[in-house]
């Protein structure tokens, strides 16, 4: 199983992110992400490896000429080329079996939205890292869990 990790570019709540990384590393599953430099995802990946995480896959738009990839840490994990940034949410969802949201951002909302169409899957949103629940009208498989509850999720 590959667990997609989605979160904001700006690192917030490092202690909580570290706890989530430890839980996911102990699950024995690989992770999929797009690791911007100095981002929540990059920090998560570092901690995941420190806690014995096995495999990281990085979805990176290696062919993008519109925006480029200078802010992405291309040295994190095995690269999966998604072509352009416009394809990134789709490819991340295609590669992941579930998503874990470690904080909101505009790009995160796009990645969550794509779970409806591309390999539909549950999204676990960590309560301690979000400000509110998303509207029920979205009709997505959203699961709001605390860090303690995440420990009991069967991945």
Protein backbone atom coordinates (compact mmCIF):
# COMPACT_ATOMS: atom_id res chain seq x y z
CA UNK A 1 0.00 0.00 0.00
CA UNK A 2 1.11 3.58 -0.74
CA UNK A 3 -0.12 6.32 1.58
CA UNK A 4 -0.39 9.75 -0.02
CA UNK A 5 0.78 12.57 2.22
CA UNK A 6 -0.71 15.98 1.45
CA UNK A 7 -0.05 19.21 3.29
CA UNK A 8 0.87 22.89 3.04
CA UNK A 9 4.15 24.25 1.76
CA UNK A 10 4.84 26.18 4.95
CA UNK A 11 5.81 23.92 7.85
CA UNK A 12 3.50 24.26 10.83
CA UNK A 13 3.10 22.20 14.00
CA UNK A 14 6.36 20.24 13.62
CA UNK A 15 5.74 18.18 16.78
CA UNK A 16 2.39 16.96 15.50
CA UNK A 17 3.78 16.23 12.01
CA UNK A 18 6.56 14.21 13.65
CA UNK A 19 4.01 12.11 15.58
CA UNK A 20 2.05 11.38 12.39
CA UNK A 21 5.26 10.45 10.53
CA UNK A 22 6.12 8.00 13.32
CA UNK A 23 2.70 6.33 13.08
CA UNK A 24 2.93 6.00 9.29
CA UNK A 25 6.53 4.73 9.40
CA UNK A 26 5.47 2.01 11.85
CA UNK A 27 2.65 0.97 9.50
CA UNK A 28 5.27 -0.51 7.16
CA UNK A 29 3.74 1.17 4.10
CA UNK A 30 5.40 3.45 1.57
CA UNK A 31 4.41 7.06 1.09
CA UNK A 32 3.67 9.20 -1.96
CA UNK A 33 4.06 12.99 -1.97
CA UNK A 34 5.28 16.08 -3.76
CA UNK A 35 8.08 17.41 -1.53
CA UNK A 36 8.51 21.15 -1.93
CA UNK A 37 11.73 22.41 -0.35
CA UNK A 38 11.31 23.34 3.34
CA UNK A 39 7.68 22.20 3.24
CA UNK A 40 5.53 20.17 5.56
CA UNK A 41 5.83 17.22 3.16
CA UNK A 42 9.63 17.38 3.02
CA UNK A 43 9.80 17.52 6.84
CA UNK A 44 7.35 14.61 7.05
CA UNK A 45 9.53 12.56 4.67
CA UNK A 46 12.66 13.21 6.75
CA UNK A 47 10.91 12.15 9.95
CA UNK A 48 9.28 9.14 8.27
CA UNK A 49 12.75 7.87 7.30
CA UNK A 50 14.18 8.61 10.77
CA UNK A 51 11.43 6.44 12.27
CA UNK A 52 12.23 3.55 9.92
CA UNK A 53 9.88 4.31 7.01
CA UNK A 54 10.52 2.02 4.06
CA UNK A 55 9.85 3.76 0.75
CA UNK A 56 9.12 7.26 -0.54
CA UNK A 57 7.74 8.06 -3.98
CA UNK A 58 7.86 11.68 -5.13
CA UNK A 59 5.37 12.85 -7.74
CA UNK A 60 7.22 15.56 -9.65
CA UNK A 61 6.29 17.36 -12.89
CA UNK A 62 9.66 16.84 -14.57
CA UNK A 63 8.40 18.04 -17.97
CA UNK A 64 6.75 21.26 -16.77
CA UNK A 65 7.94 24.32 -18.66
CA UNK A 66 5.20 26.65 -17.45
CA UNK A 67 6.21 26.85 -13.76
CA UNK A 68 9.27 24.60 -13.46
CA UNK A 69 10.33 22.63 -10.41
CA UNK A 70 13.04 24.75 -8.78
CA UNK A 71 11.18 24.74 -5.42
CA UNK A 72 10.78 20.94 -5.34
CA UNK A 73 13.27 18.73 -3.52
CA UNK A 74 13.94 16.25 -6.32
CA UNK A 75 16.25 14.21 -4.09
CA UNK A 76 13.46 12.82 -1.90
CA UNK A 77 12.61 9.23 -2.75
CA UNK A 78 11.96 7.56 -6.09
CA UNK A 79 10.73 10.02 -8.71
CA UNK A 80 7.41 9.53 -10.50
CA UNK A 81 7.07 11.95 -13.40
CA UNK A 82 3.59 13.46 -13.68
CA UNK A 83 4.50 15.62 -16.70
CA UNK A 84 3.20 19.04 -15.68
CA UNK A 85 1.81 20.69 -12.55
CA UNK A 86 -1.65 20.45 -14.10
CA UNK A 87 -1.34 16.64 -13.87
CA UNK A 88 0.10 16.49 -10.34
CA UNK A 89 -3.13 16.01 -8.32
CA UNK A 90 -4.32 13.31 -10.72
CA UNK A 91 -1.02 11.39 -10.64
CA UNK A 92 -0.71 11.64 -6.86
CA UNK A 93 -4.19 10.14 -6.52
CA UNK A 94 -3.43 7.46 -9.09
CA UNK A 95 -0.35 6.37 -7.12
CA UNK A 96 -1.85 6.53 -3.60
CA UNK A 97 -4.25 4.06 -2.02
CA UNK A 98 -5.35 6.49 0.71
CA UNK A 99 -4.50 10.10 1.54
CA UNK A 100 -3.50 11.60 4.86
CA UNK A 101 -3.97 15.36 5.12
CA UNK A 102 -1.47 17.06 7.42
CA UNK A 103 -2.83 20.57 6.95
CA UNK A 104 -4.83 22.64 4.50
CA UNK A 105 -3.58 24.67 1.53
CA UNK A 106 -5.05 25.45 -1.89
CA UNK A 107 -3.10 22.63 -3.56
CA UNK A 108 -4.21 20.23 -0.83
CA UNK A 109 -7.84 21.02 -1.63
CA UNK A 110 -7.21 20.13 -5.28
CA UNK A 111 -5.58 16.84 -4.26
CA UNK A 112 -8.53 16.02 -2.00
CA UNK A 113 -11.02 16.90 -4.76
CA UNK A 114 -9.36 14.50 -7.18
CA UNK A 115 -10.15 11.58 -4.85
CA UNK A 116 -13.66 11.71 -6.25
CA UNK A 117 -12.59 10.84 -9.80
CA UNK A 118 -9.13 9.27 -9.90
CA UNK A 119 -8.98 6.01 -7.99
CA UNK A 120 -11.53 7.07 -5.32
CA UNK A 121 -10.13 6.63 -1.83
CA UNK A 122 -10.55 7.74 1.77
CA UNK A 123 -8.88 10.91 2.98
CA UNK A 124 -7.82 10.96 6.62
CA UNK A 125 -7.67 14.53 7.89
CA UNK A 126 -5.72 15.01 11.12
CA UNK A 127 -7.93 17.06 13.42
CA UNK A 128 -5.01 18.72 15.20
CA UNK A 129 -3.70 20.08 11.87
CA UNK A 130 -6.87 21.56 10.33
CA UNK A 131 -9.09 24.49 11.33
CA UNK A 132 -12.45 23.03 10.29
CA UNK A 133 -14.19 20.21 8.45
CA UNK A 134 -14.91 20.47 4.73
CA UNK A 135 -18.52 20.81 3.54
CA UNK A 136 -20.55 17.58 3.55
CA UNK A 137 -21.95 18.55 0.14
CA UNK A 138 -18.65 17.49 -1.41
CA UNK A 139 -19.65 13.85 -0.86
CA UNK A 140 -16.07 12.65 -0.52
CA UNK A 141 -14.82 9.84 1.72
CA UNK A 142 -13.44 12.15 4.43
CA UNK A 143 -12.42 10.75 7.81
CA UNK A 144 -11.55 13.22 10.54
CA UNK A 145 -9.20 11.57 13.04
CA UNK A 146 -7.08 12.65 15.96
CA UNK A 147 -3.50 11.47 16.25
CA UNK A 148 -4.62 8.94 18.85
CA UNK A 149 -7.33 7.63 16.50
CA UNK A 150 -4.82 7.43 13.63
CA UNK A 151 -2.81 4.91 15.66
CA UNK A 152 -5.77 2.52 15.43
CA UNK A 153 -6.47 2.90 11.70
CA UNK A 154 -5.87 -0.35 9.79
CA UNK A 155 -3.95 0.64 6.67
